[in-house]
PDB file of all heavy atoms in Angstrom:
ATOM      1  N   GLU A   1      78.995  95.117  92.176  1.00  0.00           N
ATOM      2  CA  GLU A   1      80.057  94.637  93.171  1.00  0.00           C
ATOM      3  C   GLU A   1      81.203  94.365  92.467  1.00  0.00           C
ATOM      4  O   GLU A   1      82.356  94.714  92.989  1.00  0.00           O
ATOM      5  CB  GLU A   1      79.480  93.450  93.920  1.00  0.00           C
ATOM      6  CG  GLU A   1      80.193  93.139  95.217  1.00  0.00           C
ATOM      7  CD  GLU A   1      80.016  94.314  96.263  1.00  0.00           C
ATOM      8  OE1 GLU A   1      78.881  95.052  96.046  1.00  0.00           O
ATOM      9  OE2 GLU A   1      80.812  94.517  97.120  1.00  0.00           O
ATOM     10  N   THR A   2      81.177  93.672  91.326  1.00  0.00           N
ATOM     11  CA  THR A   2      82.366  93.325  90.498  1.00  0.00           C
ATOM     12  C   THR A   2      83.191  94.637  90.129  1.00  0.00           C
ATOM     13  O   THR A   2      84.324  94.768  90.249  1.00  0.00           O
ATOM     14  CB  THR A   2      82.056  92.523  89.185  1.00  0.00           C
ATOM     15  OG1 THR A   2      81.428  91.377  89.672  1.00  0.00           O
ATOM     16  CG2 THR A   2      83.345  92.083  88.509  1.00  0.00           C
ATOM     17  N   VAL A   3      82.360  95.622  89.605  1.00  0.00           N
ATOM     18  CA  VAL A   3      82.911  96.944  89.172  1.00  0.00           C
ATOM     19  C   VAL A   3      83.551  97.652  90.440  1.00  0.00           C
ATOM     20  O   VAL A   3      84.693  98.180  90.375  1.00  0.00           O
ATOM     21  CB  VAL A   3      81.744  97.879  88.687  1.00  0.00           C
ATOM     22  CG1 VAL A   3      82.274  99.333  88.463  1.00  0.00           C
ATOM     23  CG2 VAL A   3      81.370  97.314  87.163  1.00  0.00           C
ATOM     24  N   ARG A   4      82.924  97.583  91.586  1.00  0.00           N
ATOM     25  CA  ARG A   4      83.535  98.111  92.776  1.00  0.00           C
ATOM     26  C   ARG A   4      84.838  97.536  93.046  1.00  0.00           C
ATOM     27  O   ARG A   4      85.883  98.366  93.401  1.00  0.00           O
ATOM     28  CB  ARG A   4      82.446  97.906  94.035  1.00  0.00           C
ATOM     29  CG  ARG A   4      81.445  98.895  93.993  1.00  0.00           C
ATOM     30  CD  ARG A   4      80.500  98.388  95.171  1.00  0.00           C
ATOM     31  NE  ARG A   4      81.171  98.420  96.504  1.00  0.00           N
ATOM     32  CZ  ARG A   4      81.139  99.494  97.296  1.00  0.00           C
ATOM     33  NH1 ARG A   4      80.560 100.652  96.846  1.00  0.00           N
ATOM     34  NH2 ARG A   4      81.900  99.618  98.363  1.00  0.00           N
ATOM     35  N   HIS A   5      84.931  96.290  93.038  1.00  0.00           N
ATOM     36  CA  HIS A   5      86.234  95.583  93.307  1.00  0.00           C
ATOM     37  C   HIS A   5      87.418  95.874  92.273  1.00  0.00           C
ATOM     38  O   HIS A   5      88.475  96.190  92.622  1.00  0.00           O
ATOM     39  CB  HIS A   5      85.978  94.098  93.392  1.00  0.00           C
ATOM     40  CG  HIS A   5      85.144  93.572  94.542  1.00  0.00           C
ATOM     41  ND1 HIS A   5      84.559  92.384  94.586  1.00  0.00           N
ATOM     42  CD2 HIS A   5      84.684  94.291  95.729  1.00  0.00           C
ATOM     43  CE1 HIS A   5      83.973  92.270  95.686  1.00  0.00           C
ATOM     44  NE2 HIS A   5      84.019  93.437  96.395  1.00  0.00           N
ATOM     45  N   LEU A   6      86.911  96.041  91.034  1.00  0.00           N
ATOM     46  CA  LEU A   6      87.798  96.377  90.047  1.00  0.00           C
ATOM     47  C   LEU A   6      88.292  97.834  90.056  1.00  0.00           C
ATOM     48  O   LEU A   6      89.448  97.949  89.873  1.00  0.00           O
ATOM     49  CB  LEU A   6      87.319  96.090  88.634  1.00  0.00           C
ATOM     50  CG  LEU A   6      86.948  94.660  88.232  1.00  0.00           C
ATOM     51  CD1 LEU A   6      86.332  94.609  86.836  1.00  0.00           C
ATOM     52  CD2 LEU A   6      88.212  93.844  88.156  1.00  0.00           C
ATOM     53  N   LEU A   7      87.485  98.610  90.464  1.00  0.00           N
ATOM     54  CA  LEU A   7      87.757 100.055  90.565  1.00  0.00           C
ATOM     55  C   LEU A   7      88.815 100.278  91.782  1.00  0.00           C
ATOM     56  O   LEU A   7      89.340 101.394  91.797  1.00  0.00           O
ATOM     57  CB  LEU A   7      86.583 100.932  90.578  1.00  0.00           C
ATOM     58  CG  LEU A   7      85.787 101.002  89.397  1.00  0.00           C
ATOM     59  CD1 LEU A   7      84.563 101.897  89.572  1.00  0.00           C
ATOM     60  CD2 LEU A   7      86.605 101.673  88.282  1.00  0.00           C
ATOM     61  N   ALA A   8      88.832  99.342  92.581  1.00  0.00           N
ATOM     62  CA  ALA A   8      89.797  99.484  93.797  1.00  0.00           C
ATOM     63  C   ALA A   8      91.200  99.410  93.270  1.00  0.00           C
ATOM     64  O   ALA A   8      92.172 100.000  93.969  1.00  0.00           O
ATOM     65  CB  ALA A   8      89.488  98.493  94.820  1.00  0.00           C
ATOM     66  N   LEU A   9      91.434  98.792  92.147  1.00  0.00           N
ATOM     67  CA  LEU A   9      92.802  98.503  91.747  1.00  0.00           C
ATOM     68  C   LEU A   9      93.522  99.795  91.281  1.00  0.00           C
ATOM     69  O   LEU A   9      94.690  99.911  91.659  1.00  0.00           O
ATOM     70  CB  LEU A   9      92.775  97.509  90.554  1.00  0.00           C
ATOM     71  CG  LEU A   9      92.184  96.001  90.853  1.00  0.00           C
ATOM     72  CD1 LEU A   9      92.039  95.136  89.674  1.00  0.00           C
ATOM     73  CD2 LEU A   9      92.926  95.508  92.058  1.00  0.00           C
ATOM     74  N   PRO A  10      92.910 100.832  90.451  1.00  0.00           N
ATOM     75  CA  PRO A  10      93.619 102.003  90.190  1.00  0.00           C
ATOM     76  C   PRO A  10      93.888 102.715  91.488  1.00  0.00           C
ATOM     77  O   PRO A  10      94.777 103.478  91.485  1.00  0.00           O
ATOM     78  CB  PRO A  10      92.691 102.622  89.095  1.00  0.00           C
ATOM     79  CG  PRO A  10      91.372 102.082  89.283  1.00  0.00           C
ATOM     80  CD  PRO A  10      91.705 100.683  89.639  1.00  0.00           C
ATOM     81  N   VAL A  11      92.951 102.755  92.391  1.00  0.00           N
ATOM     82  CA  VAL A  11      93.226 103.291  93.648  1.00  0.00           C
ATOM     83  C   VAL A  11      94.358 102.840  94.381  1.00  0.00           C
ATOM     84  O   VAL A  11      95.304 103.558  94.878  1.00  0.00           O
ATOM     85  CB  VAL A  11      91.859 103.267  94.523  1.00  0.00           C
ATOM     86  CG1 VAL A  11      92.247 104.161  95.743  1.00  0.00           C
ATOM     87  CG2 VAL A  11      90.783 103.912  93.858  1.00  0.00           C
ATOM     88  N   LEU A  12      94.499 101.507  94.344  1.00  0.00           N
ATOM     89  CA  LEU A  12      95.577 100.983  95.032  1.00  0.00           C
ATOM     90  C   LEU A  12      96.981 101.302  94.274  1.00  0.00           C
ATOM     91  O   LEU A  12      97.956 101.448  94.849  1.00  0.00           O
ATOM     92  CB  LEU A  12      95.517  99.499  95.137  1.00  0.00           C
ATOM     93  CG  LEU A  12      94.460  98.989  96.268  1.00  0.00           C
ATOM     94  CD1 LEU A  12      94.272  97.448  95.975  1.00  0.00           C
ATOM     95  CD2 LEU A  12      94.984  99.323  97.524  1.00  0.00           C
ATOM     96  N   ALA A  13      96.895 101.258  92.959  1.00  0.00           N
ATOM     97  CA  ALA A  13      98.025 101.729  92.170  1.00  0.00           C
ATOM     98  C   ALA A  13      98.440 103.126  92.474  1.00  0.00           C
ATOM     99  O   ALA A  13      99.666 103.386  92.555  1.00  0.00           O
ATOM    100  CB  ALA A  13      97.691 101.575  90.557  1.00  0.00           C
ATOM    101  N   THR A  14      97.401 103.940  92.675  1.00  0.00           N
ATOM    102  CA  THR A  14      97.842 105.323  93.052  1.00  0.00           C
ATOM    103  C   THR A  14      98.493 105.391  94.339  1.00  0.00           C
ATOM    104  O   THR A  14      99.417 106.186  94.583  1.00  0.00           O
ATOM    105  CB  THR A  14      96.593 106.169  93.100  1.00  0.00           C
ATOM    106  OG1 THR A  14      95.888 106.144  91.870  1.00  0.00           O
ATOM    107  CG2 THR A  14      96.840 107.741  93.477  1.00  0.00           C
ATOM    108  N   CYS A  15      98.126 104.543  95.211  1.00  0.00           N
ATOM    109  CA  CYS A  15      98.739 104.421  96.633  1.00  0.00           C
ATOM    110  C   CYS A  15     100.251 104.140  96.338  1.00  0.00           C
ATOM    111  O   CYS A  15     101.130 104.715  97.029  1.00  0.00           O
ATOM    112  CB  CYS A  15      98.057 103.482  97.557  1.00  0.00           C
ATOM    113  SG  CYS A  15      96.416 103.974  98.003  1.00  0.00           S
ATOM    114  N   VAL A  16     100.519 103.179  95.517  1.00  0.00           N
ATOM    115  CA  VAL A  16     101.933 102.705  95.366  1.00  0.00           C
ATOM    116  C   VAL A  16     102.654 103.940  94.672  1.00  0.00           C
ATOM    117  O   VAL A  16     103.882 104.128  95.111  1.00  0.00           O
ATOM    118  CB  VAL A  16     102.000 101.490  94.227  1.00  0.00           C
ATOM    119  CG1 VAL A  16     103.397 101.288  93.905  1.00  0.00           C
ATOM    120  CG2 VAL A  16     101.283 100.298  94.915  1.00  0.00           C
ATOM    121  N   TRP A  17     102.155 104.623  93.796  1.00  0.00           N
ATOM    122  CA  TRP A  17     102.800 105.860  93.230  1.00  0.00           C
ATOM    123  C   TRP A  17     103.066 106.805  94.235  1.00  0.00           C
ATOM    124  O   TRP A  17     104.167 107.394  94.290  1.00  0.00           O
ATOM    125  CB  TRP A  17     101.840 106.417  92.173  1.00  0.00           C
ATOM    126  CG  TRP A  17     102.071 107.804  91.821  1.00  0.00           C
ATOM    127  CD1 TRP A  17     103.347 108.334  91.215  1.00  0.00           C
ATOM    128  CD2 TRP A  17     101.277 109.008  91.943  1.00  0.00           C
ATOM    129  NE1 TRP A  17     103.315 109.743  91.028  1.00  0.00           N
ATOM    130  CE2 TRP A  17     101.979 110.134  91.429  1.00  0.00           C
ATOM    131  CE3 TRP A  17      99.966 109.061  92.362  1.00  0.00           C
ATOM    132  CZ2 TRP A  17     101.457 111.444  91.470  1.00  0.00           C
ATOM    133  CZ3 TRP A  17      99.467 110.433  92.432  1.00  0.00           C
ATOM    134  CH2 TRP A  17     100.176 111.448  91.924  1.00  0.00           C
ATOM    135  N   LEU A  18     102.127 107.099  95.168  1.00  0.00           N
ATOM    136  CA  LEU A  18     102.294 108.098  96.305  1.00  0.00           C
ATOM    137  C   LEU A  18     103.486 107.737  97.191  1.00  0.00           C
ATOM    138  O   LEU A  18     104.183 108.406  97.786  1.00  0.00           O
ATOM    139  CB  LEU A  18     100.952 108.471  96.977  1.00  0.00           C
ATOM    140  CG  LEU A  18      99.966 109.165  96.183  1.00  0.00           C
ATOM    141  CD1 LEU A  18      98.680 109.375  96.851  1.00  0.00           C
ATOM    142  CD2 LEU A  18     100.466 110.528  95.864  1.00  0.00           C
ATOM    143  N   ALA A  19     103.498 106.256  97.404  1.00  0.00           N
ATOM    144  CA  ALA A  19     104.472 105.870  98.287  1.00  0.00           C
ATOM    145  C   ALA A  19     106.007 106.063  97.619  1.00  0.00           C
ATOM    146  O   ALA A  19     106.957 106.400  98.314  1.00  0.00           O
ATOM    147  CB  ALA A  19     104.309 104.255  98.361  1.00  0.00           C
ATOM    148  N   TRP A  20     105.863 106.018  96.322  1.00  0.00           N
ATOM    149  CA  TRP A  20     107.178 106.220  95.634  1.00  0.00           C
ATOM    150  C   TRP A  20     107.435 107.718  95.779  1.00  0.00           C
ATOM    151  O   TRP A  20     108.738 108.156  95.992  1.00  0.00           O
ATOM    152  CB  TRP A  20     107.024 105.831  94.166  1.00  0.00           C
ATOM    153  CG  TRP A  20     108.187 106.203  93.148  1.00  0.00           C
ATOM    154  CD1 TRP A  20     109.498 105.850  93.487  1.00  0.00           C
ATOM    155  CD2 TRP A  20     108.230 107.152  92.098  1.00  0.00           C
ATOM    156  NE1 TRP A  20     110.119 106.483  92.305  1.00  0.00           N
ATOM    157  CE2 TRP A  20     109.432 107.170  91.568  1.00  0.00           C
ATOM    158  CE3 TRP A  20     107.066 107.827  91.561  1.00  0.00           C
ATOM    159  CZ2 TRP A  20     109.652 107.954  90.523  1.00  0.00           C
ATOM    160  CZ3 TRP A  20     107.412 108.641  90.361  1.00  0.00           C
ATOM    161  CH2 TRP A  20     108.576 108.750  89.881  1.00  0.00           C
ATOM    162  N   VAL A  21     106.567 108.525  95.693  1.00  0.00           N
ATOM    163  CA  VAL A  21     106.720 110.078  95.748  1.00  0.00           C
ATOM    164  C   VAL A  21     107.232 110.317  97.237  1.00  0.00           C
ATOM    165  O   VAL A  21     108.202 111.232  97.320  1.00  0.00           O
ATOM    166  CB  VAL A  21     105.525 110.792  95.457  1.00  0.00           C
ATOM    167  CG1 VAL A  21     105.722 112.309  95.733  1.00  0.00           C
ATOM    168  CG2 VAL A  21     105.138 110.570  94.074  1.00  0.00           C
ATOM    169  N   SER A  22     106.642 109.870  98.210  1.00  0.00           N
ATOM    170  CA  SER A  22     107.109 110.039  99.619  1.00  0.00           C
ATOM    171  C   SER A  22     108.575 109.638  99.802  1.00  0.00           C
ATOM    172  O   SER A  22     109.307 110.314 100.519  1.00  0.00           O
ATOM    173  CB  SER A  22     106.212 109.268 100.598  1.00  0.00           C
ATOM    174  OG  SER A  22     106.358 108.031 100.486  1.00  0.00           O
ATOM    175  N   GLU A  23     108.969 108.589  99.146  1.00  0.00           N
ATOM    176  CA  GLU A  23     110.326 108.044  99.277  1.00  0.00           C
ATOM    177  C   GLU A  23     111.374 109.105  98.555  1.00  0.00           C
ATOM    178  O   GLU A  23     112.308 109.431  99.095  1.00  0.00           O
ATOM    179  CB  GLU A  23     110.532 106.564  98.629  1.00  0.00           C
ATOM    180  CG  GLU A  23     111.879 105.984  99.090  1.00  0.00           C
ATOM    181  CD  GLU A  23     113.020 106.442  98.210  1.00  0.00           C
ATOM    182  OE1 GLU A  23     112.724 106.847  97.049  1.00  0.00           O
ATOM    183  OE2 GLU A  23     114.117 106.399  98.758  1.00  0.00           O
ATOM    184  N   LEU A  24     110.892 109.487  97.378  1.00  0.00           N
ATOM    185  CA  LEU A  24     111.835 110.615  96.748  1.00  0.00           C
ATOM    186  C   LEU A  24     111.815 111.730  97.543  1.00  0.00           C
ATOM    187  O   LEU A  24     112.954 112.543  97.606  1.00  0.00           O
ATOM    188  CB  LEU A  24     111.120 110.831  95.345  1.00  0.00           C
ATOM    189  CG  LEU A  24     111.262 109.884  94.286  1.00  0.00           C
ATOM    190  CD1 LEU A  24     110.511 110.327  93.001  1.00  0.00           C
ATOM    191  CD2 LEU A  24     112.741 109.522  94.000  1.00  0.00           C
ATOM    192  N   GLU A  25     110.795 112.269  98.130  1.00  0.00           N
ATOM    193  CA  GLU A  25     110.778 113.571  98.954  1.00  0.00           C
ATOM    194  C   GLU A  25     111.507 113.335 100.305  1.00  0.00           C
ATOM    195  O   GLU A  25     112.153 114.290 100.725  1.00  0.00           O
ATOM    196  CB  GLU A  25     109.313 114.028  99.018  1.00  0.00           C
ATOM    197  CG  GLU A  25     108.707 114.523  97.808  1.00  0.00           C
ATOM    198  CD  GLU A  25     107.356 115.154  98.019  1.00  0.00           C
ATOM    199  OE1 GLU A  25     106.927 115.012  99.256  1.00  0.00           O
ATOM    200  OE2 GLU A  25     106.802 115.780  97.176  1.00  0.00           O
ATOM    201  N   GLY A  26     111.131 112.299 100.918  1.00  0.00           N
ATOM    202  CA  GLY A  26     111.545 112.304 102.421  1.00  0.00           C
ATOM    203  C   GLY A  26     112.581 111.129 102.718  1.00  0.00           C
ATOM    204  O   GLY A  26     112.997 110.939 103.729  1.00  0.00           O
ATOM    205  N   GLY A  27     112.872 110.298 101.761  1.00  0.00           N
ATOM    206  CA  GLY A  27     113.759 109.194 102.042  1.00  0.00           C
ATOM    207  C   GLY A  27     113.223 107.983 102.606  1.00  0.00           C
ATOM    208  O   GLY A  27     111.944 107.879 102.755  1.00  0.00           O
ATOM    209  N   PRO A  28     114.080 107.071 103.040  1.00  0.00           N
ATOM    210  CA  PRO A  28     113.495 105.772 103.815  1.00  0.00           C
ATOM    211  C   PRO A  28     112.635 106.017 104.969  1.00  0.00           C
ATOM    212  O   PRO A  28     111.748 105.294 105.222  1.00  0.00           O
ATOM    213  CB  PRO A  28     114.794 104.973 104.057  1.00  0.00           C
ATOM    214  CG  PRO A  28     115.904 105.645 103.087  1.00  0.00           C
ATOM    215  CD  PRO A  28     115.489 107.044 102.921  1.00  0.00           C
ATOM    216  N   TYR A  29     112.964 107.187 105.635  1.00  0.00           N
ATOM    217  CA  TYR A  29     112.203 107.425 106.911  1.00  0.00           C
ATOM    218  C   TYR A  29     110.761 107.614 106.684  1.00  0.00           C
ATOM    219  O   TYR A  29     109.856 107.191 107.231  1.00  0.00           O
ATOM    220  CB  TYR A  29     112.816 108.573 107.678  1.00  0.00           C
ATOM    221  CG  TYR A  29     112.001 109.000 108.940  1.00  0.00           C
ATOM    222  CD1 TYR A  29     112.051 108.225 110.022  1.00  0.00           C
ATOM    223  CD2 TYR A  29     111.426 110.170 109.022  1.00  0.00           C
ATOM    224  CE1 TYR A  29     111.290 108.503 111.068  1.00  0.00           C
ATOM    225  CE2 TYR A  29     110.625 110.560 109.976  1.00  0.00           C
ATOM    226  CZ  TYR A  29     110.576 109.649 111.159  1.00  0.00           C
ATOM    227  OH  TYR A  29     109.959 110.072 112.231  1.00  0.00           O
TER     228      TYR A  29
END
């Protein structure tokens, strides 16, 4: 269970990266 929770962190970091990509591609909207 601890490993499951820890492994969620790189997945969330990837979400932040993709949010940055979406802003570069499509702007604030």
